[in-house]
Structure formats: C-alpha cells, structure tokens
C-alpha cells in the first residue's frame, strides 16, 4: 500500500507539470499581450486617427502601442504589459477618460473587455504548445 506522503508527493508532481514556470509564464502572457496590443492599436486608429500632413519623428498614438515582457515596475515576473510611453500615455488617458474639453470614450476599457476571450485563447494555445 502507498503511504500518504507518497500520494501527496505524486499529487504535487502532477500539479507542478500543469503550472508553468516563470519563463513559460512570460511566453504565455506575451502571447496574450500581443493580441491586446494589435486590437488596441486598431481601435485607437479607428477612433482617434487624424491625417496629419507632417508627423516628423513623432508617431501617431495608434502606432505607439507597446508590449513589454515585464510588469509595470520593470521586473520580469512572468507578466506582460501593454501600453504607451509616458508622453503618449497622457494623450491616451485624455482620450479615454476625457477632460474638461474632451468627452472620454473609454476605448481602452472597451477594447480590453472585447478582447478578453481572444487573449485567453491565445494564452491557452501557447500553454498547450509548451507541453502543458
């Protein structure tokens, strides 16, 4: 008969195979972040794109959506973030939340909600590809 300790060790080994390590989590969450980045760039372009004659070296907000394999503090902990650099993030916040002069349309929150299932699907596919 198998002892309780052996059963628990076996159970723990099975659980560990299902849970990805930090490097795998980084790959998985990056896949989801890529989906959100593309959708957010498309929505920003659709809702807030203006045809500027001369852009110079300053890309449009829709062309400036970034993906990082680090958390908001810059640490590699298995998460990924999607957003803009500080200068562009301020503009995105004004458009999203509104100001005294601009009515906010909450395009960031709406895009996150609409894309949630696609993000989870891409993360699940990546999780399966990694052998879990």
N, C-alpha and C. Protein backbone atom coordinates (compact mmCIF):
# COMPACT_ATOMS: atom_id res chain seq x y z
N UNK A 1 0.84 -1.17 0.00
CA UNK A 1 0.00 0.00 0.00
C UNK A 1 0.89 1.25 0.00
N UNK A 2 0.44 2.27 -0.73
CA UNK A 2 1.19 3.52 -0.87
C UNK A 2 0.89 4.42 0.33
N UNK A 3 1.95 5.00 0.88
CA UNK A 3 1.77 5.85 2.06
C UNK A 3 1.17 7.20 1.66
N UNK A 4 0.66 7.89 2.63
CA UNK A 4 0.07 9.22 2.41
C UNK A 4 1.11 10.20 1.88
N UNK A 5 2.33 10.13 2.36
CA UNK A 5 3.41 11.02 1.91
C UNK A 5 3.71 10.78 0.44
N UNK A 6 3.75 9.52 0.02
CA UNK A 6 4.00 9.21 -1.38
C UNK A 6 2.86 9.68 -2.28
N UNK A 7 1.64 9.54 -1.80
CA UNK A 7 0.48 10.02 -2.56
C UNK A 7 0.53 11.54 -2.73
N UNK A 8 0.88 12.24 -1.65
CA UNK A 8 0.97 13.70 -1.72
C UNK A 8 2.11 14.14 -2.64
N UNK A 9 3.24 13.42 -2.59
CA UNK A 9 4.36 13.75 -3.48
C UNK A 9 3.96 13.54 -4.95
N UNK A 10 3.24 12.45 -5.21
CA UNK A 10 2.77 12.17 -6.56
C UNK A 10 1.80 13.27 -7.02
N UNK A 11 0.90 13.66 -6.15
CA UNK A 11 -0.07 14.71 -6.47
C UNK A 11 0.64 16.04 -6.75
N UNK A 12 1.62 16.36 -5.94
CA UNK A 12 2.39 17.60 -6.13
C UNK A 12 3.15 17.57 -7.46
N UNK A 13 3.69 16.44 -7.83
CA UNK A 13 4.40 16.33 -9.11
C UNK A 13 3.45 16.55 -10.28
N UNK A 14 2.24 16.03 -10.18
CA UNK A 14 1.24 16.23 -11.24
C UNK A 14 0.85 17.69 -11.35
N UNK A 15 0.68 18.35 -10.23
CA UNK A 15 0.30 19.77 -10.21
C UNK A 15 1.43 20.62 -10.80
N UNK A 16 2.66 20.31 -10.45
CA UNK A 16 3.81 21.08 -10.96
C UNK A 16 3.91 21.01 -12.47
N UNK A 17 3.51 19.87 -13.06
CA UNK A 17 3.54 19.76 -14.52
C UNK A 17 2.52 20.69 -15.18
N UNK A 18 1.45 21.01 -14.49
CA UNK A 18 0.41 21.88 -15.05
C UNK A 18 0.73 23.36 -14.92
N UNK A 19 1.48 23.71 -13.89
CA UNK A 19 1.77 25.12 -13.62
C UNK A 19 3.08 25.51 -14.32
N UNK A 20 3.01 26.51 -15.20
CA UNK A 20 4.23 26.92 -15.90
C UNK A 20 5.20 27.66 -14.99
N UNK A 21 6.49 27.55 -15.31
CA UNK A 21 7.49 28.30 -14.55
C UNK A 21 7.52 29.75 -15.03
N UNK A 22 8.39 30.55 -14.48
CA UNK A 22 8.41 31.98 -14.80
C UNK A 22 8.70 32.24 -16.28
N UNK A 23 9.64 31.52 -16.84
CA UNK A 23 9.98 31.72 -18.26
C UNK A 23 8.80 31.36 -19.15
N UNK A 24 8.12 30.26 -18.83
CA UNK A 24 6.94 29.87 -19.60
C UNK A 24 5.80 30.86 -19.41
N UNK A 25 5.60 31.35 -18.19
CA UNK A 25 4.56 32.36 -17.95
C UNK A 25 4.82 33.61 -18.76
N UNK A 26 6.08 33.99 -18.88
CA UNK A 26 6.43 35.16 -19.67
C UNK A 26 6.04 34.96 -21.13
N UNK A 27 6.30 33.79 -21.66
CA UNK A 27 5.96 33.48 -23.05
C UNK A 27 4.43 33.47 -23.23
N UNK A 28 3.73 32.88 -22.28
CA UNK A 28 2.27 32.77 -22.36
C UNK A 28 1.62 34.15 -22.27
N UNK A 29 2.01 34.94 -21.30
CA UNK A 29 1.38 36.25 -21.15
C UNK A 29 1.77 37.20 -22.28
N UNK A 30 2.95 37.01 -22.85
CA UNK A 30 3.36 37.82 -24.01
C UNK A 30 2.45 37.54 -25.20
N UNK A 31 2.05 36.29 -25.37
CA UNK A 31 1.13 35.94 -26.46
C UNK A 31 -0.20 36.67 -26.29
N UNK A 32 -0.72 36.71 -25.08
CA UNK A 32 -1.96 37.45 -24.82
C UNK A 32 -1.78 38.95 -24.99
N UNK A 33 -0.64 39.46 -24.57
CA UNK A 33 -0.37 40.90 -24.70
C UNK A 33 -0.26 41.30 -26.16
N UNK A 34 0.28 40.43 -26.99
CA UNK A 34 0.37 40.74 -28.42
C UNK A 34 -1.01 40.88 -29.05
N UNK A 35 -1.94 40.04 -28.62
CA UNK A 35 -3.32 40.14 -29.13
C UNK A 35 -3.94 41.46 -28.70
N UNK A 36 -3.77 41.82 -27.43
CA UNK A 36 -4.33 43.09 -26.94
C UNK A 36 -3.67 44.27 -27.63
N UNK A 37 -2.37 44.22 -27.84
CA UNK A 37 -1.66 45.32 -28.50
C UNK A 37 -2.20 45.57 -29.89
N UNK A 38 -2.41 44.51 -30.66
CA UNK A 38 -2.91 44.66 -32.02
C UNK A 38 -4.32 45.25 -32.01
N UNK A 39 -5.17 44.73 -31.16
CA UNK A 39 -6.56 45.22 -31.10
C UNK A 39 -6.60 46.66 -30.61
N UNK A 40 -5.78 46.99 -29.62
CA UNK A 40 -5.75 48.35 -29.09
C UNK A 40 -5.22 49.33 -30.14
N UNK A 41 -4.22 48.92 -30.90
CA UNK A 41 -3.72 49.77 -31.97
C UNK A 41 -4.79 49.98 -33.04
N UNK A 42 -5.51 48.92 -33.39
CA UNK A 42 -6.57 49.03 -34.39
C UNK A 42 -7.69 49.95 -33.92
N UNK A 43 -8.10 49.79 -32.67
CA UNK A 43 -9.18 50.63 -32.13
C UNK A 43 -8.74 52.09 -32.00
N UNK A 44 -7.52 52.30 -31.59
CA UNK A 44 -7.01 53.67 -31.49
C UNK A 44 -6.99 54.32 -32.86
N UNK A 45 -6.57 53.57 -33.85
CA UNK A 45 -6.53 54.10 -35.21
C UNK A 45 -7.94 54.38 -35.72
N UNK A 46 -8.86 53.47 -35.44
CA UNK A 46 -10.23 53.62 -35.92
C UNK A 46 -10.93 54.81 -35.28
N UNK A 47 -10.72 55.00 -34.00
CA UNK A 47 -11.45 56.03 -33.26
C UNK A 47 -10.75 57.38 -33.20
N UNK A 48 -9.42 57.39 -33.19
CA UNK A 48 -8.71 58.62 -32.89
C UNK A 48 -7.61 58.97 -33.89
N UNK A 49 -7.65 58.39 -35.05
CA UNK A 49 -6.60 58.67 -36.04
C UNK A 49 -6.93 59.95 -36.79
N UNK A 50 -5.96 60.81 -36.90
CA UNK A 50 -6.13 62.02 -37.70
C UNK A 50 -5.08 62.01 -38.79
N UNK A 51 -5.43 62.51 -39.93
CA UNK A 51 -4.50 62.55 -41.05
C UNK A 51 -3.67 63.83 -40.95
N UNK A 52 -2.53 63.70 -40.29
CA UNK A 52 -1.64 64.84 -40.16
C UNK A 52 -0.77 64.92 -41.40
N UNK A 53 -0.52 66.13 -41.85
CA UNK A 53 0.30 66.31 -43.04
C UNK A 53 1.75 65.98 -42.73
N UNK A 54 2.28 66.54 -41.68
CA UNK A 54 3.68 66.28 -41.30
C UNK A 54 3.72 65.75 -39.88
N UNK A 55 4.21 64.53 -39.72
CA UNK A 55 4.31 63.94 -38.39
C UNK A 55 5.69 64.08 -37.80
N UNK A 56 6.66 64.32 -38.63
CA UNK A 56 8.02 64.43 -38.12
C UNK A 56 8.46 63.10 -37.54
N UNK A 57 9.16 63.16 -36.43
CA UNK A 57 9.63 61.95 -35.76
C UNK A 57 8.65 61.46 -34.72
N UNK A 58 7.52 62.11 -34.58
CA UNK A 58 6.53 61.77 -33.56
C UNK A 58 5.45 60.87 -34.15
N UNK A 59 5.49 59.58 -33.88
CA UNK A 59 4.48 58.68 -34.44
C UNK A 59 3.11 58.94 -33.81
N UNK A 60 2.09 58.53 -34.51
CA UNK A 60 0.72 58.69 -34.03
C UNK A 60 0.49 57.77 -32.84
N UNK A 61 -0.49 58.11 -32.02
CA UNK A 61 -0.85 57.33 -30.85
C UNK A 61 -1.14 55.87 -31.23
N UNK A 62 -1.84 55.67 -32.33
CA UNK A 62 -2.19 54.32 -32.76
C UNK A 62 -0.97 53.51 -33.16
N UNK A 63 0.08 54.17 -33.57
CA UNK A 63 1.31 53.49 -33.98
C UNK A 63 2.30 53.35 -32.82
N UNK A 64 1.89 53.73 -31.63
CA UNK A 64 2.80 53.77 -30.49
C UNK A 64 2.42 52.82 -29.36
N UNK A 65 1.52 51.87 -29.61
CA UNK A 65 1.13 50.91 -28.58
C UNK A 65 2.27 49.90 -28.43
N UNK A 66 2.77 49.76 -27.21
CA UNK A 66 3.92 48.91 -26.93
C UNK A 66 3.55 47.68 -26.11
N UNK A 67 4.34 46.64 -26.25
CA UNK A 67 4.22 45.43 -25.44
C UNK A 67 5.53 45.22 -24.73
N UNK A 68 5.46 44.88 -23.45
CA UNK A 68 6.67 44.60 -22.69
C UNK A 68 6.49 43.28 -21.93
N UNK A 69 7.54 42.49 -21.86
CA UNK A 69 7.50 41.22 -21.12
C UNK A 69 7.88 41.44 -19.66
N UNK A 70 7.63 42.63 -19.18
CA UNK A 70 7.91 42.97 -17.78
C UNK A 70 6.65 43.55 -17.16
N UNK A 71 6.62 43.58 -15.83
CA UNK A 71 5.48 44.19 -15.17
C UNK A 71 5.61 45.71 -15.18
N UNK A 72 4.70 46.39 -14.56
CA UNK A 72 4.67 47.86 -14.60
C UNK A 72 5.90 48.48 -13.92
N UNK A 73 6.53 47.74 -13.01
CA UNK A 73 7.73 48.24 -12.33
C UNK A 73 9.01 47.89 -13.08
N UNK A 74 8.90 47.16 -14.20
CA UNK A 74 10.07 46.78 -14.97
C UNK A 74 10.71 45.48 -14.53
N UNK A 75 10.03 44.73 -13.68
CA UNK A 75 10.55 43.45 -13.21
C UNK A 75 10.05 42.32 -14.10
N UNK A 76 10.90 41.32 -14.32
CA UNK A 76 10.48 40.14 -15.06
C UNK A 76 9.92 39.15 -14.05
N UNK A 77 8.60 39.04 -14.02
CA UNK A 77 7.94 38.15 -13.07
C UNK A 77 6.94 37.22 -13.73
N UNK A 78 6.97 37.15 -15.06
CA UNK A 78 6.05 36.28 -15.77
C UNK A 78 4.84 37.00 -16.33
N UNK A 79 4.74 38.30 -16.12
CA UNK A 79 3.62 39.05 -16.66
C UNK A 79 4.08 39.87 -17.87
N UNK A 80 3.11 40.37 -18.60
CA UNK A 80 3.39 41.24 -19.74
C UNK A 80 2.46 42.45 -19.64
N UNK A 81 2.91 43.58 -20.12
CA UNK A 81 2.11 44.80 -20.08
C UNK A 81 1.95 45.36 -21.49
N UNK A 82 0.84 46.06 -21.67
CA UNK A 82 0.54 46.72 -22.94
C UNK A 82 0.22 48.16 -22.62
N UNK A 83 0.78 49.08 -23.37
CA UNK A 83 0.51 50.50 -23.13
C UNK A 83 1.34 51.39 -24.02
N UNK A 84 1.51 52.61 -23.56
CA UNK A 84 2.25 53.61 -24.32
C UNK A 84 3.40 54.15 -23.46
N UNK A 85 4.35 54.80 -24.11
CA UNK A 85 5.37 55.52 -23.36
C UNK A 85 4.68 56.69 -22.67
N UNK A 86 5.34 57.30 -21.69
CA UNK A 86 4.70 58.30 -20.84
C UNK A 86 4.06 59.43 -21.62
N UNK A 87 4.75 59.95 -22.63
CA UNK A 87 4.23 61.07 -23.41
C UNK A 87 2.92 60.69 -24.12
N UNK A 88 2.87 59.51 -24.69
CA UNK A 88 1.68 59.04 -25.40
C UNK A 88 0.60 58.57 -24.43
N UNK A 89 0.99 58.04 -23.29
CA UNK A 89 0.02 57.56 -22.31
C UNK A 89 -0.84 58.69 -21.79
N UNK A 90 -0.27 59.86 -21.67
CA UNK A 90 -1.04 61.02 -21.21
C UNK A 90 -2.14 61.34 -22.23
N UNK A 91 -1.79 61.32 -23.50
CA UNK A 91 -2.77 61.59 -24.55
C UNK A 91 -3.85 60.52 -24.55
N UNK A 92 -3.44 59.26 -24.44
CA UNK A 92 -4.40 58.15 -24.42
C UNK A 92 -5.34 58.28 -23.22
N UNK A 93 -4.81 58.71 -22.09
CA UNK A 93 -5.66 58.89 -20.90
C UNK A 93 -6.67 59.99 -21.13
N UNK A 94 -6.25 61.10 -21.73
CA UNK A 94 -7.19 62.19 -22.02
C UNK A 94 -8.31 61.70 -22.93
N UNK A 95 -7.95 60.96 -23.97
CA UNK A 95 -8.96 60.47 -24.90
C UNK A 95 -9.86 59.43 -24.24
N UNK A 96 -9.29 58.59 -23.41
CA UNK A 96 -10.04 57.53 -22.77
C UNK A 96 -10.96 58.07 -21.67
N UNK A 97 -10.40 58.87 -20.76
CA UNK A 97 -11.15 59.33 -19.60
C UNK A 97 -11.88 60.65 -19.84
N UNK A 98 -11.37 61.44 -20.77
CA UNK A 98 -11.96 62.74 -21.03
C UNK A 98 -11.31 63.83 -20.19
N UNK A 99 -11.56 65.06 -20.58
CA UNK A 99 -11.09 66.23 -19.85
C UNK A 99 -12.25 67.22 -19.81
N UNK A 100 -11.97 68.42 -19.38
CA UNK A 100 -13.00 69.45 -19.39
C UNK A 100 -13.45 69.73 -20.82
N UNK A 101 -12.53 69.59 -21.78
CA UNK A 101 -12.81 69.93 -23.17
C UNK A 101 -13.05 68.72 -24.07
N UNK A 102 -12.68 67.52 -23.61
CA UNK A 102 -12.81 66.31 -24.41
C UNK A 102 -13.73 65.33 -23.69
N UNK A 103 -14.69 64.79 -24.42
CA UNK A 103 -15.56 63.75 -23.86
C UNK A 103 -14.85 62.42 -24.02
N UNK A 104 -14.61 61.73 -22.92
CA UNK A 104 -13.92 60.45 -22.98
C UNK A 104 -14.80 59.37 -23.57
N UNK A 105 -14.19 58.45 -24.30
CA UNK A 105 -14.96 57.36 -24.90
C UNK A 105 -14.61 55.99 -24.31
N UNK A 106 -13.70 55.93 -23.38
CA UNK A 106 -13.32 54.70 -22.65
C UNK A 106 -12.95 53.57 -23.61
N UNK A 107 -12.21 53.92 -24.66
CA UNK A 107 -11.84 52.93 -25.66
C UNK A 107 -10.89 51.87 -25.14
N UNK A 108 -10.08 52.20 -24.15
CA UNK A 108 -9.14 51.21 -23.61
C UNK A 108 -9.90 50.12 -22.85
N UNK A 109 -10.81 50.52 -21.97
CA UNK A 109 -11.59 49.53 -21.21
C UNK A 109 -12.45 48.69 -22.13
N UNK A 110 -13.08 49.33 -23.10
CA UNK A 110 -13.94 48.58 -24.04
C UNK A 110 -13.12 47.58 -24.84
N UNK A 111 -11.95 47.99 -25.26
CA UNK A 111 -11.08 47.09 -26.04
C UNK A 111 -10.64 45.91 -25.19
N UNK A 112 -10.28 46.17 -23.93
CA UNK A 112 -9.90 45.07 -23.03
C UNK A 112 -11.03 44.07 -22.88
N UNK A 113 -12.24 44.56 -22.65
CA UNK A 113 -13.39 43.67 -22.46
C UNK A 113 -13.70 42.88 -23.73
N UNK A 114 -13.66 43.55 -24.88
CA UNK A 114 -13.97 42.87 -26.14
C UNK A 114 -12.91 41.85 -26.52
N UNK A 115 -11.70 42.03 -26.07
CA UNK A 115 -10.58 41.19 -26.47
C UNK A 115 -10.27 40.10 -25.44
N UNK A 116 -10.91 40.15 -24.30
CA UNK A 116 -10.60 39.22 -23.22
C UNK A 116 -10.59 37.76 -23.66
N UNK A 117 -11.62 37.31 -24.38
CA UNK A 117 -11.68 35.90 -24.77
C UNK A 117 -10.58 35.56 -25.79
N UNK A 118 -10.26 36.48 -26.69
CA UNK A 118 -9.18 36.24 -27.66
C UNK A 118 -7.83 36.15 -26.96
N UNK A 119 -7.64 36.98 -25.94
CA UNK A 119 -6.40 36.93 -25.16
C UNK A 119 -6.26 35.58 -24.47
N UNK A 120 -7.33 35.14 -23.83
CA UNK A 120 -7.28 33.85 -23.13
C UNK A 120 -7.08 32.69 -24.10
N UNK A 121 -7.68 32.77 -25.27
CA UNK A 121 -7.48 31.71 -26.27
C UNK A 121 -6.02 31.65 -26.72
N UNK A 122 -5.42 32.80 -26.99
CA UNK A 122 -4.03 32.79 -27.43
C UNK A 122 -3.10 32.32 -26.32
N UNK A 123 -3.39 32.69 -25.07
CA UNK A 123 -2.58 32.20 -23.96
C UNK A 123 -2.74 30.70 -23.77
N UNK A 124 -3.96 30.20 -23.95
CA UNK A 124 -4.20 28.76 -23.83
C UNK A 124 -3.46 27.99 -24.92
N UNK A 125 -3.50 28.51 -26.14
CA UNK A 125 -2.79 27.87 -27.26
C UNK A 125 -1.29 27.81 -26.97
N UNK A 126 -0.74 28.92 -26.48
CA UNK A 126 0.68 28.96 -26.16
C UNK A 126 1.01 28.00 -25.01
N UNK A 127 0.12 27.92 -24.02
CA UNK A 127 0.29 27.00 -22.90
C UNK A 127 0.34 25.56 -23.40
N UNK A 128 -0.55 25.22 -24.32
CA UNK A 128 -0.57 23.88 -24.89
C UNK A 128 0.70 23.60 -25.70
N UNK A 129 1.16 24.62 -26.46
CA UNK A 129 2.39 24.45 -27.25
C UNK A 129 3.59 24.17 -26.36
N UNK A 130 3.57 24.70 -25.16
CA UNK A 130 4.68 24.48 -24.23
C UNK A 130 4.61 23.12 -23.54
N UNK A 131 3.58 22.33 -23.86
CA UNK A 131 3.51 20.97 -23.38
C UNK A 131 2.75 20.77 -22.09
N UNK A 132 1.88 21.66 -21.76
CA UNK A 132 1.11 21.50 -20.51
C UNK A 132 -0.24 20.89 -20.78
